[in-house]
Amino acid sequence: MKKHLGLWLAKICMIGTAAGLVWGLSSLPAEKAGFVAPAAANQTQYVIQSGDSLWAIANRLGITVEALKQANDLQGDLVYPNQVLVIPGLGNTVPPAAASAPDGETAAAASGAPETEQTKSPPPIEYIVTAGDSLWSIAKKTGCSVAALKQANHVENDFLAIGQVLIIPVPSAAAAPAPVPSRSGDRVQTILDYGRSLLGHPYRWAGSRPGGFDCSGFTFHVFGHHGISLPRTSYDQFTAGTPVSRGELQPGDLVFFTTYQAGASHVGIYYGNGQFLHASSAGGSVIWTDMNAHQYYSSRFLGGRRIIP
């Protein structure tokens, strides 16, 4: 009898313990479901918003991307909406960037605190990639360099996707404007002489080095060898410089043709008297062609672009 009574009492205790555990869990505040451990005393937190990048957050808060990565044990550059980042070194002097007041006001403005030069931070400029865009055309459109675009967006190659959001870096006020190529002195002749020295070098699809060139790779290399940056493809090169008509062509201008597909699908360097130098897939190398005498190129001339004013 005593044995049965003991078992019965044990069962009652177990049921009571389980009930107490369930009650204890259900009594926790709702916000604990997404609880994030508080940062250290010299840290604050930031909740990732749609369109954010590590570069944009670091730029906004005046810290480095590397500091952000180290504080959050991040190996790559990918972040996700609603992800919580620890922002090192800000303490309680700067509120989390995600804590904003209604109508887009910052927490400082909502609290009535005066906005100082230290709290001001220019918002990141974003650009959404559309059909036909390239890094070079976007850089030209926004007044920055391709290298700065790549660095700001941690891009290693030249490929873009339609709808991709790029951060446009704000140039430093002290930065000097990029020098404009000039025809003064013998610069044009130097470029023409170098191009001529590559006569006979083999044609190679997607090549841009003396070991092998395609048409735009040849012009890209020749001008780049003299510090003049051109976009990589013939289509993008057709947007560089200023347009010139057939009758206005001068030595050193780029000449474009519609060949295997519509648009500026072929390019060469004009030398005067109708002669241009180009990497020809049909010729198998860098060759001369007279665009006036050669019916194929004469009928397919699309236009010229002056790279050196």
Protein backbone atom coordinates (compact mmCIF):
# COMPACT_ATOMS: atom_id res chain seq x y z
CA MET A 1 0.00 0.00 0.00
CA LYS A 2 2.81 2.41 0.98
CA LYS A 3 4.65 1.55 -2.24
CA HIS A 4 1.62 2.46 -4.40
CA LEU A 5 1.09 5.66 -2.43
CA GLY A 6 4.74 6.66 -3.02
CA LEU A 7 4.47 6.11 -6.78
CA TRP A 8 1.26 8.12 -6.89
CA LEU A 9 2.89 11.07 -5.06
CA ALA A 10 5.92 10.95 -7.42
CA LYS A 11 3.66 11.23 -10.46
CA ILE A 12 1.90 14.23 -8.95
CA CYS A 13 5.29 15.95 -8.42
CA MET A 14 6.36 15.31 -12.01
CA ILE A 15 3.12 16.73 -13.40
CA GLY A 16 3.47 19.76 -11.17
CA THR A 17 7.06 20.38 -12.30
CA ALA A 18 6.13 20.13 -16.00
CA ALA A 19 3.19 22.47 -15.50
CA GLY A 20 5.44 24.97 -13.76
CA LEU A 21 7.98 24.80 -16.59
CA VAL A 22 5.30 25.44 -19.23
CA TRP A 23 3.91 28.35 -17.20
CA GLY A 24 7.41 29.78 -16.79
CA LEU A 25 8.13 29.72 -20.54
CA SER A 26 4.74 31.20 -21.44
CA SER A 27 5.33 34.08 -19.05
CA LEU A 28 8.48 35.30 -20.91
CA PRO A 29 7.97 38.64 -22.74
CA ALA A 30 7.14 38.30 -26.47
CA GLU A 31 10.17 40.30 -27.56
CA LYS A 32 12.49 37.57 -26.21
CA ALA A 33 11.63 35.46 -29.31
CA GLY A 34 14.05 37.57 -31.33
CA PHE A 35 16.38 38.40 -28.48
CA VAL A 36 19.91 39.53 -29.37
CA ALA A 37 22.51 39.57 -26.61
CA PRO A 38 23.35 43.19 -25.69
CA ALA A 39 26.62 44.54 -27.03
CA ALA A 40 29.53 45.43 -24.77
CA ALA A 41 29.68 48.84 -23.10
CA ASN A 42 31.69 50.35 -25.95
CA GLN A 43 29.50 48.87 -28.69
CA THR A 44 26.05 49.43 -30.17
CA GLN A 45 23.98 47.46 -32.63
CA TYR A 46 22.62 48.00 -36.13
CA VAL A 47 19.77 46.12 -37.83
CA ILE A 48 20.40 45.58 -41.55
CA GLN A 49 17.89 47.32 -43.81
CA SER A 50 17.02 46.40 -47.39
CA GLY A 51 19.70 47.75 -49.75
CA ASP A 52 22.39 48.00 -47.08
CA SER A 53 25.95 46.89 -47.67
CA LEU A 54 28.92 46.68 -45.32
CA TRP A 55 30.52 49.59 -47.17
CA ALA A 56 27.42 51.79 -46.86
CA ILE A 57 27.05 51.04 -43.14
CA ALA A 58 30.74 51.64 -42.43
CA ASN A 59 30.68 54.89 -44.43
CA ARG A 60 27.53 56.07 -42.63
CA LEU A 61 28.93 55.38 -39.17
CA GLY A 62 32.50 56.52 -39.83
CA ILE A 63 34.21 53.17 -39.30
CA THR A 64 35.99 50.72 -41.56
CA VAL A 65 34.58 47.64 -43.27
CA GLU A 66 37.36 45.58 -41.70
CA ALA A 67 36.37 46.76 -38.22
CA LEU A 68 32.77 45.73 -38.92
CA LYS A 69 33.87 42.31 -40.16
CA GLN A 70 36.14 41.72 -37.19
CA ALA A 71 33.49 42.77 -34.65
CA ASN A 72 30.94 40.40 -36.21
CA ASP A 73 33.25 37.51 -37.21
CA LEU A 74 32.28 37.96 -40.87
CA GLN A 75 34.36 36.16 -43.49
CA GLY A 76 32.60 37.56 -46.58
CA ASP A 77 30.77 40.75 -47.60
CA LEU A 78 27.19 39.44 -47.72
CA VAL A 79 24.66 40.80 -45.25
CA TYR A 80 20.91 40.22 -45.02
CA PRO A 81 17.86 42.32 -44.05
CA ASN A 82 17.11 42.16 -40.28
CA GLN A 83 20.59 40.78 -39.55
CA VAL A 84 21.96 42.46 -36.38
CA LEU A 85 25.50 43.80 -36.52
CA VAL A 86 27.64 44.88 -33.60
CA ILE A 87 29.06 48.35 -34.28
CA PRO A 88 32.37 48.64 -32.42
CA GLY A 89 33.69 51.76 -30.73
CA LEU A 90 30.55 53.91 -30.76
CA GLY A 91 29.39 53.36 -27.16
CA ASN A 92 26.36 55.45 -26.22
CA THR A 93 27.50 58.54 -28.12
CA VAL A 94 25.78 57.55 -31.37
CA PRO A 95 22.38 55.79 -31.44
CA PRO A 96 21.93 52.72 -33.65
CA ALA A 97 21.41 53.83 -37.25
CA ALA A 98 18.30 51.66 -37.51
CA ALA A 99 16.57 53.52 -34.66
CA SER A 100 14.85 56.17 -36.75
CA ALA A 101 11.95 58.43 -35.94
CA PRO A 102 8.76 58.72 -38.04
CA ASP A 103 8.98 60.42 -41.45
CA GLY A 104 12.64 59.48 -41.80
CA GLU A 105 13.94 61.75 -39.03
CA THR A 106 16.98 60.48 -37.19
CA ALA A 107 16.75 59.57 -33.51
CA ALA A 108 18.86 62.65 -32.69
CA ALA A 109 16.43 64.94 -34.52
CA ALA A 110 13.40 63.29 -32.95
CA SER A 111 14.85 63.80 -29.48
CA GLY A 112 15.41 67.47 -30.15
CA ALA A 113 19.20 67.19 -29.93
CA PRO A 114 21.00 69.70 -32.17
CA GLU A 115 22.57 68.19 -35.27
CA THR A 116 26.32 68.77 -35.33
CA GLU A 117 28.87 68.29 -38.07
CA GLN A 118 29.89 65.02 -36.37
CA THR A 119 26.36 63.60 -36.52
CA LYS A 120 25.89 64.57 -40.17
CA SER A 121 26.73 61.83 -42.62
CA PRO A 122 25.92 61.99 -46.34
CA PRO A 123 23.52 59.19 -47.29
CA PRO A 124 24.99 56.61 -49.65
CA ILE A 125 24.17 57.17 -53.31
CA GLU A 126 22.70 54.07 -54.90
CA TYR A 127 22.42 53.17 -58.57
CA ILE A 128 20.21 50.37 -59.94
CA VAL A 129 21.76 48.61 -62.94
CA THR A 130 19.61 48.68 -66.09
CA ALA A 131 19.89 46.94 -69.44
CA GLY A 132 22.95 48.09 -71.38
CA ASP A 133 24.81 49.37 -68.32
CA SER A 134 28.49 48.61 -67.73
CA LEU A 135 30.83 49.62 -64.94
CA TRP A 136 32.52 52.04 -67.31
CA SER A 137 29.28 53.74 -68.45
CA ILE A 138 28.03 54.00 -64.85
CA ALA A 139 31.36 55.46 -63.71
CA LYS A 140 31.23 58.03 -66.50
CA LYS A 141 27.59 58.86 -65.74
CA THR A 142 28.18 59.32 -62.01
CA GLY A 143 31.58 61.02 -62.19
CA CYS A 144 33.70 58.39 -60.48
CA SER A 145 36.24 55.84 -61.63
CA VAL A 146 35.69 52.16 -62.41
CA ALA A 147 38.29 51.28 -59.75
CA ALA A 148 36.38 53.30 -57.12
CA LEU A 149 33.12 51.60 -58.11
CA LYS A 150 34.69 48.16 -57.78
CA GLN A 151 36.23 48.99 -54.41
CA ALA A 152 33.00 50.47 -53.01
CA ASN A 153 30.98 47.41 -54.02
CA HIS A 154 33.66 44.74 -53.50
CA VAL A 155 33.39 43.74 -57.17
CA GLU A 156 36.23 41.65 -58.56
CA ASN A 157 35.16 41.44 -62.22
CA ASP A 158 33.26 43.54 -64.78
CA PHE A 159 29.99 41.60 -64.81
CA LEU A 160 26.76 43.28 -63.67
CA ALA A 161 23.20 41.99 -63.31
CA ILE A 162 20.09 43.98 -64.25
CA GLY A 163 18.48 45.22 -61.04
CA GLN A 164 21.75 45.01 -59.08
CA VAL A 165 22.16 47.90 -56.61
CA LEU A 166 25.54 49.63 -56.65
CA ILE A 167 26.88 52.07 -54.07
CA ILE A 168 28.29 55.16 -55.80
CA PRO A 169 31.29 56.42 -53.80
CA VAL A 170 31.27 60.11 -52.96
CA PRO A 171 34.56 61.64 -54.17
CA SER A 172 36.67 63.48 -51.64
CA ALA A 173 36.44 67.25 -51.86
CA ALA A 174 40.23 67.36 -52.01
CA ALA A 175 40.45 64.85 -54.85
CA ALA A 176 41.90 66.31 -58.02
CA PRO A 177 39.87 65.88 -61.23
CA ALA A 178 41.08 63.24 -63.63
CA PRO A 179 43.41 64.71 -66.25
CA VAL A 180 41.96 65.14 -69.74
CA PRO A 181 44.09 63.63 -72.51
CA SER A 182 45.68 66.34 -74.65
CA ARG A 183 46.96 66.42 -78.22
CA SER A 184 49.75 68.76 -77.19
CA GLY A 185 53.30 67.76 -78.08
CA ASP A 186 53.87 64.39 -79.71
CA ARG A 187 51.40 62.37 -77.65
CA VAL A 188 49.19 61.32 -80.56
CA GLN A 189 52.20 60.38 -82.63
CA THR A 190 53.62 58.36 -79.74
CA ILE A 191 50.36 56.41 -79.47
CA LEU A 192 50.23 55.86 -83.24
CA ASP A 193 53.82 54.67 -83.29
CA TYR A 194 53.15 52.20 -80.50
CA GLY A 195 50.06 50.87 -82.26
CA ARG A 196 52.09 50.43 -85.44
CA SER A 197 54.71 48.46 -83.51
CA LEU A 198 52.05 45.81 -82.81
CA LEU A 199 51.39 45.17 -86.49
CA GLY A 200 51.23 41.43 -87.14
CA HIS A 201 50.50 40.43 -83.54
CA PRO A 202 47.97 37.58 -83.54
CA TYR A 203 44.23 37.93 -83.25
CA ARG A 204 42.75 36.26 -80.17
CA TRP A 205 39.14 36.42 -79.02
CA ALA A 206 38.86 38.41 -75.76
CA GLY A 207 42.61 39.14 -75.87
CA SER A 208 43.97 42.50 -74.72
CA ARG A 209 47.71 41.81 -74.53
CA PRO A 210 50.50 41.64 -77.12
CA GLY A 211 50.21 37.86 -77.05
CA GLY A 212 46.85 38.22 -78.80
CA PHE A 213 44.19 40.91 -79.32
CA ASP A 214 40.58 41.13 -80.33
CA CYS A 215 39.55 44.44 -81.91
CA SER A 216 38.56 46.31 -78.73
CA GLY A 217 41.35 44.62 -76.78
CA PHE A 218 43.83 46.16 -79.22
CA THR A 219 42.52 49.72 -78.81
CA PHE A 220 42.11 49.20 -75.06
CA HIS A 221 45.75 48.14 -74.78
CA VAL A 222 47.26 50.81 -77.04
CA PHE A 223 45.58 53.73 -75.26
CA GLY A 224 45.94 52.14 -71.81
CA HIS A 225 49.69 51.73 -72.45
CA HIS A 226 49.84 55.53 -72.52
CA GLY A 227 47.67 56.14 -69.44
CA ILE A 228 44.36 56.66 -71.25
CA SER A 229 41.63 54.44 -69.84
CA LEU A 230 39.09 53.10 -72.34
CA PRO A 231 36.19 50.77 -71.63
CA ARG A 232 36.87 47.18 -72.64
CA THR A 233 34.27 46.48 -75.35
CA SER A 234 33.78 48.16 -78.73
CA TYR A 235 30.17 48.97 -77.78
CA ASP A 236 31.27 50.85 -74.66
CA GLN A 237 34.20 52.46 -76.46
CA PHE A 238 31.65 53.92 -78.88
CA THR A 239 30.37 56.03 -75.95
CA ALA A 240 33.85 57.34 -75.04
CA GLY A 241 35.27 60.70 -76.12
CA THR A 242 33.37 62.89 -78.56
CA PRO A 243 31.70 61.83 -81.83
CA VAL A 244 33.29 62.82 -85.14
CA SER A 245 31.98 62.35 -88.65
CA ARG A 246 33.81 60.50 -91.40
CA GLY A 247 34.97 63.77 -92.95
CA GLU A 248 36.30 65.06 -89.62
CA LEU A 249 38.50 62.06 -88.75
CA GLN A 250 42.02 62.78 -87.53
CA PRO A 251 44.92 60.40 -86.75
CA GLY A 252 44.41 58.86 -83.33
CA ASP A 253 40.60 58.78 -83.56
CA LEU A 254 38.77 55.49 -83.07
CA VAL A 255 36.72 54.25 -86.04
CA PHE A 256 33.74 51.93 -85.58
CA PHE A 257 31.96 49.54 -87.89
CA THR A 258 28.87 47.35 -87.84
CA THR A 259 30.16 43.89 -88.76
CA TYR A 260 29.00 40.54 -87.36
CA GLN A 261 26.12 42.10 -85.39
CA ALA A 262 24.26 45.41 -85.12
CA GLY A 263 25.96 48.35 -83.44
CA ALA A 264 29.63 49.08 -82.85
CA SER A 265 30.83 45.49 -83.19
CA HIS A 266 34.28 46.37 -84.59
CA VAL A 267 36.81 49.14 -83.83
CA GLY A 268 40.23 50.29 -85.03
CA ILE A 269 42.62 53.26 -84.79
CA TYR A 270 42.58 55.79 -87.63
CA TYR A 271 45.94 56.83 -89.14
CA GLY A 272 44.82 59.17 -91.92
CA ASN A 273 44.07 58.92 -95.66
CA GLY A 274 41.44 56.26 -94.97
CA GLN A 275 43.95 53.90 -93.33
CA PHE A 276 43.16 52.31 -89.97
CA LEU A 277 44.95 49.70 -87.88
CA HIS A 278 42.91 46.97 -86.22
CA ALA A 279 42.95 43.42 -84.87
CA SER A 280 41.11 41.47 -87.56
CA SER A 281 39.58 38.04 -86.98
CA ALA A 282 39.48 37.51 -90.77
CA GLY A 283 43.11 38.60 -91.17
CA GLY A 284 44.17 36.65 -88.09
CA SER A 285 46.33 39.49 -86.74
CA VAL A 286 46.73 43.26 -86.37
CA ILE A 287 46.55 44.59 -89.95
CA TRP A 288 46.15 47.74 -92.04
CA THR A 289 42.91 48.37 -93.94
CA ASP A 290 41.89 51.23 -96.23
CA MET A 291 38.33 52.00 -95.18
CA ASN A 292 37.75 53.98 -98.39
CA ALA A 293 38.97 51.31 -100.77
CA HIS A 294 37.64 48.29 -98.88
CA GLN A 295 33.97 47.98 -99.78
CA TYR A 296 33.11 45.85 -96.74
CA TYR A 297 34.35 48.42 -94.22
CA SER A 298 33.37 51.44 -96.30
CA SER A 299 29.72 50.35 -96.33
CA ARG A 300 29.71 49.42 -92.64
CA PHE A 301 31.32 52.55 -91.18
CA LEU A 302 29.31 53.57 -88.11
CA GLY A 303 31.19 56.60 -86.79
CA GLY A 304 34.34 57.95 -85.16
CA ARG A 305 35.15 58.95 -81.60
CA ARG A 306 37.86 61.41 -80.60
CA ILE A 307 39.52 60.24 -77.41
CA ILE A 308 42.28 62.87 -77.38
CA PRO A 309 40.75 66.37 -77.93
